[in-house]
């Protein structure tokens, strides 16, 4: 796992991502998102679910964060990039 960054803090098997502004999820404002460490099974499931590969990453990140695909699609790109950063930290 990569070391902590300005927006991502790693713990045991998880990363806590601080958003640029709270995200509204089911009417609740959420300032941080916790991503669990990915497994091979997560990657396989995302590939199978996406079919042609379109949206593979969105499905994978949504699953790891316990979010819906719609939550991911409505997220500011700046915060989506933070989730990508957290994910890549698990691969280092």
C-alpha atoms as a PDB file:
ATOM      1  CA  UNK A   1       0.000   0.000   0.000  1.00  0.00           C
ATOM      2  CA  UNK A   2       1.113   3.501  -0.751  1.00  0.00           C
ATOM      3  CA  UNK A   3       1.712   5.963   2.053  1.00  0.00           C
ATOM      4  CA  UNK A   4      -0.891   8.473   3.083  1.00  0.00           C
ATOM      5  CA  UNK A   5      -1.464  11.449   0.789  1.00  0.00           C
ATOM      6  CA  UNK A   6      -3.248  14.756   1.260  1.00  0.00           C
ATOM      7  CA  UNK A   7      -6.663  13.230   0.463  1.00  0.00           C
ATOM      8  CA  UNK A   8      -6.144   9.521   1.154  1.00  0.00           C
ATOM      9  CA  UNK A   9      -5.336   7.857   4.469  1.00  0.00           C
ATOM     10  CA  UNK A  10      -4.552   4.137   4.461  1.00  0.00           C
ATOM     11  CA  UNK A  11      -5.348   1.816   7.338  1.00  0.00           C
ATOM     12  CA  UNK A  12      -5.443  -1.935   7.685  1.00  0.00           C
ATOM     13  CA  UNK A  13      -7.107  -3.138   4.488  1.00  0.00           C
ATOM     14  CA  UNK A  14      -8.836   0.157   3.786  1.00  0.00           C
ATOM     15  CA  UNK A  15      -8.351   3.699   2.542  1.00  0.00           C
ATOM     16  CA  UNK A  16     -10.298   6.715   3.756  1.00  0.00           C
ATOM     17  CA  UNK A  17     -10.766   9.329   1.046  1.00  0.00           C
ATOM     18  CA  UNK A  18     -11.625  12.912   1.988  1.00  0.00           C
ATOM     19  CA  UNK A  19     -13.898  14.448  -0.631  1.00  0.00           C
ATOM     20  CA  UNK A  20     -13.587  18.016  -1.931  1.00  0.00           C
ATOM     21  CA  UNK A  21     -17.130  18.585  -0.652  1.00  0.00           C
ATOM     22  CA  UNK A  22     -19.672  16.258   0.970  1.00  0.00           C
ATOM     23  CA  UNK A  23     -21.444  13.893  -1.406  1.00  0.00           C
ATOM     24  CA  UNK A  24     -25.191  13.434  -0.982  1.00  0.00           C
ATOM     25  CA  UNK A  25     -25.964   9.723  -0.678  1.00  0.00           C
ATOM     26  CA  UNK A  26     -29.592   8.825   0.048  1.00  0.00           C
ATOM     27  CA  UNK A  27     -30.136  12.316   1.469  1.00  0.00           C
ATOM     28  CA  UNK A  28     -27.119  12.152   3.792  1.00  0.00           C
ATOM     29  CA  UNK A  29     -24.077  14.377   3.271  1.00  0.00           C
ATOM     30  CA  UNK A  30     -20.945  12.204   3.338  1.00  0.00           C
ATOM     31  CA  UNK A  31     -17.564  14.021   3.678  1.00  0.00           C
ATOM     32  CA  UNK A  32     -15.385  10.898   3.461  1.00  0.00           C
ATOM     33  CA  UNK A  33     -15.610   7.573   1.687  1.00  0.00           C
ATOM     34  CA  UNK A  34     -13.990   4.378   2.930  1.00  0.00           C
ATOM     35  CA  UNK A  35     -12.638   2.049   0.253  1.00  0.00           C
ATOM     36  CA  UNK A  36     -11.772  -1.509   1.158  1.00  0.00           C
ATOM     37  CA  UNK A  37      -8.728  -3.213  -0.285  1.00  0.00           C
ATOM     38  CA  UNK A  38      -9.511  -4.828  -3.653  1.00  0.00           C
ATOM     39  CA  UNK A  39      -9.306  -8.559  -4.265  1.00  0.00           C
ATOM     40  CA  UNK A  40      -8.877 -10.556  -7.450  1.00  0.00           C
ATOM     41  CA  UNK A  41     -12.545 -11.533  -7.120  1.00  0.00           C
ATOM     42  CA  UNK A  42     -13.536  -7.841  -7.200  1.00  0.00           C
ATOM     43  CA  UNK A  43     -11.670  -7.358 -10.473  1.00  0.00           C
ATOM     44  CA  UNK A  44     -13.229 -10.474 -11.991  1.00  0.00           C
ATOM     45  CA  UNK A  45     -16.746  -9.431 -10.938  1.00  0.00           C
ATOM     46  CA  UNK A  46     -16.326  -5.928 -12.375  1.00  0.00           C
ATOM     47  CA  UNK A  47     -15.126  -7.320 -15.699  1.00  0.00           C
ATOM     48  CA  UNK A  48     -17.997  -9.814 -15.858  1.00  0.00           C
ATOM     49  CA  UNK A  49     -20.618  -7.224 -14.895  1.00  0.00           C
ATOM     50  CA  UNK A  50     -19.352  -4.595 -17.349  1.00  0.00           C
ATOM     51  CA  UNK A  51     -19.373  -7.084 -20.225  1.00  0.00           C
ATOM     52  CA  UNK A  52     -17.709  -5.117 -22.985  1.00  0.00           C
ATOM     53  CA  UNK A  53     -15.374  -3.352 -20.548  1.00  0.00           C
ATOM     54  CA  UNK A  54     -17.258  -0.064 -20.542  1.00  0.00           C
ATOM     55  CA  UNK A  55     -17.703   1.090 -16.982  1.00  0.00           C
ATOM     56  CA  UNK A  56     -15.456  -1.618 -15.524  1.00  0.00           C
ATOM     57  CA  UNK A  57     -13.632   0.858 -13.294  1.00  0.00           C
ATOM     58  CA  UNK A  58     -16.823   2.560 -12.103  1.00  0.00           C
ATOM     59  CA  UNK A  59     -18.321  -0.806 -11.141  1.00  0.00           C
ATOM     60  CA  UNK A  60     -15.122  -1.830  -9.363  1.00  0.00           C
ATOM     61  CA  UNK A  61     -14.734   1.411  -7.394  1.00  0.00           C
ATOM     62  CA  UNK A  62     -18.436   1.531  -6.502  1.00  0.00           C
ATOM     63  CA  UNK A  63     -18.230  -2.013  -5.138  1.00  0.00           C
ATOM     64  CA  UNK A  64     -15.095  -1.271  -3.106  1.00  0.00           C
ATOM     65  CA  UNK A  65     -16.688   1.853  -1.607  1.00  0.00           C
ATOM     66  CA  UNK A  66     -20.173   0.452  -1.020  1.00  0.00           C
ATOM     67  CA  UNK A  67     -21.682   3.013  -3.415  1.00  0.00           C
ATOM     68  CA  UNK A  68     -24.072   2.668  -6.309  1.00  0.00           C
ATOM     69  CA  UNK A  69     -22.967   3.232  -9.885  1.00  0.00           C
ATOM     70  CA  UNK A  70     -25.256   6.290  -9.955  1.00  0.00           C
ATOM     71  CA  UNK A  71     -23.503   7.732  -6.884  1.00  0.00           C
ATOM     72  CA  UNK A  72     -20.205   7.317  -8.732  1.00  0.00           C
ATOM     73  CA  UNK A  73     -21.516   8.905 -11.933  1.00  0.00           C
ATOM     74  CA  UNK A  74     -22.899  11.917 -10.047  1.00  0.00           C
ATOM     75  CA  UNK A  75     -19.653  12.473  -8.128  1.00  0.00           C
ATOM     76  CA  UNK A  76     -17.500  15.466  -9.077  1.00  0.00           C
ATOM     77  CA  UNK A  77     -14.615  14.351 -11.267  1.00  0.00           C
ATOM     78  CA  UNK A  78     -12.170  15.761  -8.730  1.00  0.00           C
ATOM     79  CA  UNK A  79     -13.440  13.307  -6.106  1.00  0.00           C
ATOM     80  CA  UNK A  80     -13.563  10.417  -8.567  1.00  0.00           C
ATOM     81  CA  UNK A  81      -9.861  11.057  -9.221  1.00  0.00           C
ATOM     82  CA  UNK A  82      -9.245  10.819  -5.468  1.00  0.00           C
ATOM     83  CA  UNK A  83     -10.890   7.388  -5.431  1.00  0.00           C
ATOM     84  CA  UNK A  84      -8.714   6.330  -8.363  1.00  0.00           C
ATOM     85  CA  UNK A  85      -5.665   7.517  -6.435  1.00  0.00           C
ATOM     86  CA  UNK A  86      -6.700   5.455  -3.407  1.00  0.00           C
ATOM     87  CA  UNK A  87      -7.242   2.378  -5.573  1.00  0.00           C
ATOM     88  CA  UNK A  88      -3.838   2.712  -7.226  1.00  0.00           C
ATOM     89  CA  UNK A  89      -2.239   2.999  -3.782  1.00  0.00           C
ATOM     90  CA  UNK A  90      -3.375  -0.547  -3.036  1.00  0.00           C
ATOM     91  CA  UNK A  91      -1.544  -1.783  -6.134  1.00  0.00           C
ATOM     92  CA  UNK A  92       1.869  -0.348  -5.215  1.00  0.00           C
END
